[in-house]
Amino acid sequence: MLSLREATEWIRSWTNAGAVISTGGTIAIPFVRGFQAQGDSAVLAVRRPDGTWASVDAAPFLIRGGHGYFVAVKDPLADTVELVIFQARPR
C-alpha cells in the first residue's frame, strides 16, 4: 500500500500526470491517457479510506483537496472556467 508521499513520487514518473491530492482519507491520482494539451479527458485513480481502489473516467481536473472536499475545474479548456466541488465519501 502506497503512502501519499510514495504515490506522489510514483506519479512524477508519468509525463502527463497531475498532482496527487488527498482529503478526508481519500487519495485521488489524476492522469490522462494522451496529451492533456490536446483536450484528452482526465482519469482518476481513487484510493478510498478503506483501502479499496476505483477509477473515474472523464473526470474533472482536480486542483485542490481539503476538509473532506475536492475542488475541480470542470473543463480547463473552456472560455469560461467553472469550478466544481465534490465531497469525498467512503464507499
Protein backbone atom coordinates (compact mmCIF):
# COMPACT_ATOMS: atom_id res chain seq x y z
CA MET A 1 0.00 0.00 0.00
CA LEU A 2 1.46 3.34 -1.05
CA SER A 3 1.65 6.33 1.25
CA LEU A 4 0.78 9.77 -0.13
CA ARG A 5 4.48 10.59 -0.47
CA GLU A 6 5.26 7.30 -2.26
CA ALA A 7 2.28 7.81 -4.59
CA THR A 8 3.47 11.35 -5.37
CA GLU A 9 6.95 10.10 -6.25
CA TRP A 10 5.49 7.31 -8.38
CA ILE A 11 3.15 9.66 -10.23
CA ARG A 12 6.01 12.07 -11.05
CA SER A 13 7.38 9.42 -13.38
CA TRP A 14 4.26 9.81 -15.57
CA THR A 15 4.78 12.60 -18.07
CA ASN A 16 1.09 13.55 -18.22
CA ALA A 17 0.18 13.18 -14.55
CA GLY A 18 -1.21 15.84 -12.26
CA ALA A 19 -0.51 16.20 -8.56
CA VAL A 20 -1.72 13.55 -6.11
CA ILE A 21 -4.48 15.08 -3.99
CA SER A 22 -5.68 13.77 -0.64
CA THR A 23 -8.57 14.74 1.60
CA GLY A 24 -10.71 13.01 4.21
CA GLY A 25 -8.66 9.80 3.87
CA THR A 26 -9.35 9.63 0.11
CA ILE A 27 -6.40 9.86 -2.30
CA ALA A 28 -7.00 10.87 -5.93
CA ILE A 29 -4.31 10.32 -8.56
CA PRO A 30 -5.14 12.19 -11.78
CA PHE A 31 -3.66 11.31 -15.15
CA VAL A 32 -4.50 11.49 -18.83
CA ARG A 33 -4.30 8.80 -21.47
CA GLY A 34 -2.81 11.12 -24.09
CA PHE A 35 -1.70 14.74 -24.08
CA GLN A 36 -3.85 16.98 -21.89
CA ALA A 37 -2.97 19.99 -24.01
CA GLN A 38 -4.92 18.32 -26.83
CA GLY A 39 -8.05 18.09 -24.69
CA ASP A 40 -7.87 14.45 -23.62
CA SER A 41 -10.06 13.80 -20.60
CA ALA A 42 -8.59 13.13 -17.20
CA VAL A 43 -8.82 9.77 -15.45
CA LEU A 44 -8.69 9.47 -11.66
CA ALA A 45 -7.35 6.52 -9.74
CA VAL A 46 -9.01 6.85 -6.33
CA ARG A 47 -7.93 5.12 -3.11
CA ARG A 48 -10.73 5.13 -0.58
CA PRO A 49 -10.16 5.29 3.21
CA ASP A 50 -10.98 1.56 3.48
CA GLY A 51 -8.05 0.77 1.14
CA THR A 52 -10.10 -0.12 -1.94
CA TRP A 53 -9.38 1.42 -5.34
CA ALA A 54 -11.65 2.79 -8.06
CA SER A 55 -11.19 4.66 -11.31
CA VAL A 56 -13.22 7.55 -12.68
CA ASP A 57 -13.17 8.12 -16.45
CA ALA A 58 -13.76 11.56 -17.95
CA ALA A 59 -13.06 13.09 -14.55
CA PRO A 60 -12.84 16.83 -13.96
CA PHE A 61 -9.35 18.28 -13.44
CA LEU A 62 -8.75 18.34 -9.66
CA ILE A 63 -6.90 21.36 -8.36
CA ARG A 64 -7.26 21.17 -4.57
CA GLY A 65 -8.40 18.98 -1.69
CA GLY A 66 -9.16 19.80 1.93
CA HIS A 67 -11.65 19.34 4.75
CA GLY A 68 -13.17 16.29 3.02
CA TYR A 69 -13.79 18.07 -0.30
CA PHE A 70 -12.16 18.16 -3.73
CA VAL A 71 -12.25 21.27 -5.92
CA ALA A 72 -12.01 20.71 -9.66
CA VAL A 73 -12.11 22.65 -12.91
CA LYS A 74 -14.96 21.25 -14.98
CA ASP A 75 -13.39 21.99 -18.37
CA PRO A 76 -9.90 23.53 -18.24
CA LEU A 77 -10.01 24.36 -21.96
CA ALA A 78 -13.33 26.24 -21.88
CA ASP A 79 -13.53 30.01 -22.38
CA THR A 80 -15.29 30.34 -19.02
CA VAL A 81 -13.78 28.46 -16.08
CA GLU A 82 -16.30 26.56 -13.94
CA LEU A 83 -15.30 25.14 -10.56
CA VAL A 84 -16.94 22.02 -9.19
CA ILE A 85 -16.85 20.84 -5.55
CA PHE A 86 -17.04 17.14 -4.66
CA GLN A 87 -17.34 15.65 -1.21
CA ALA A 88 -15.04 12.70 -0.57
CA ARG A 89 -17.15 9.91 0.89
CA PRO A 90 -16.27 6.37 1.87
CA ARG A 91 -17.90 3.68 -0.22
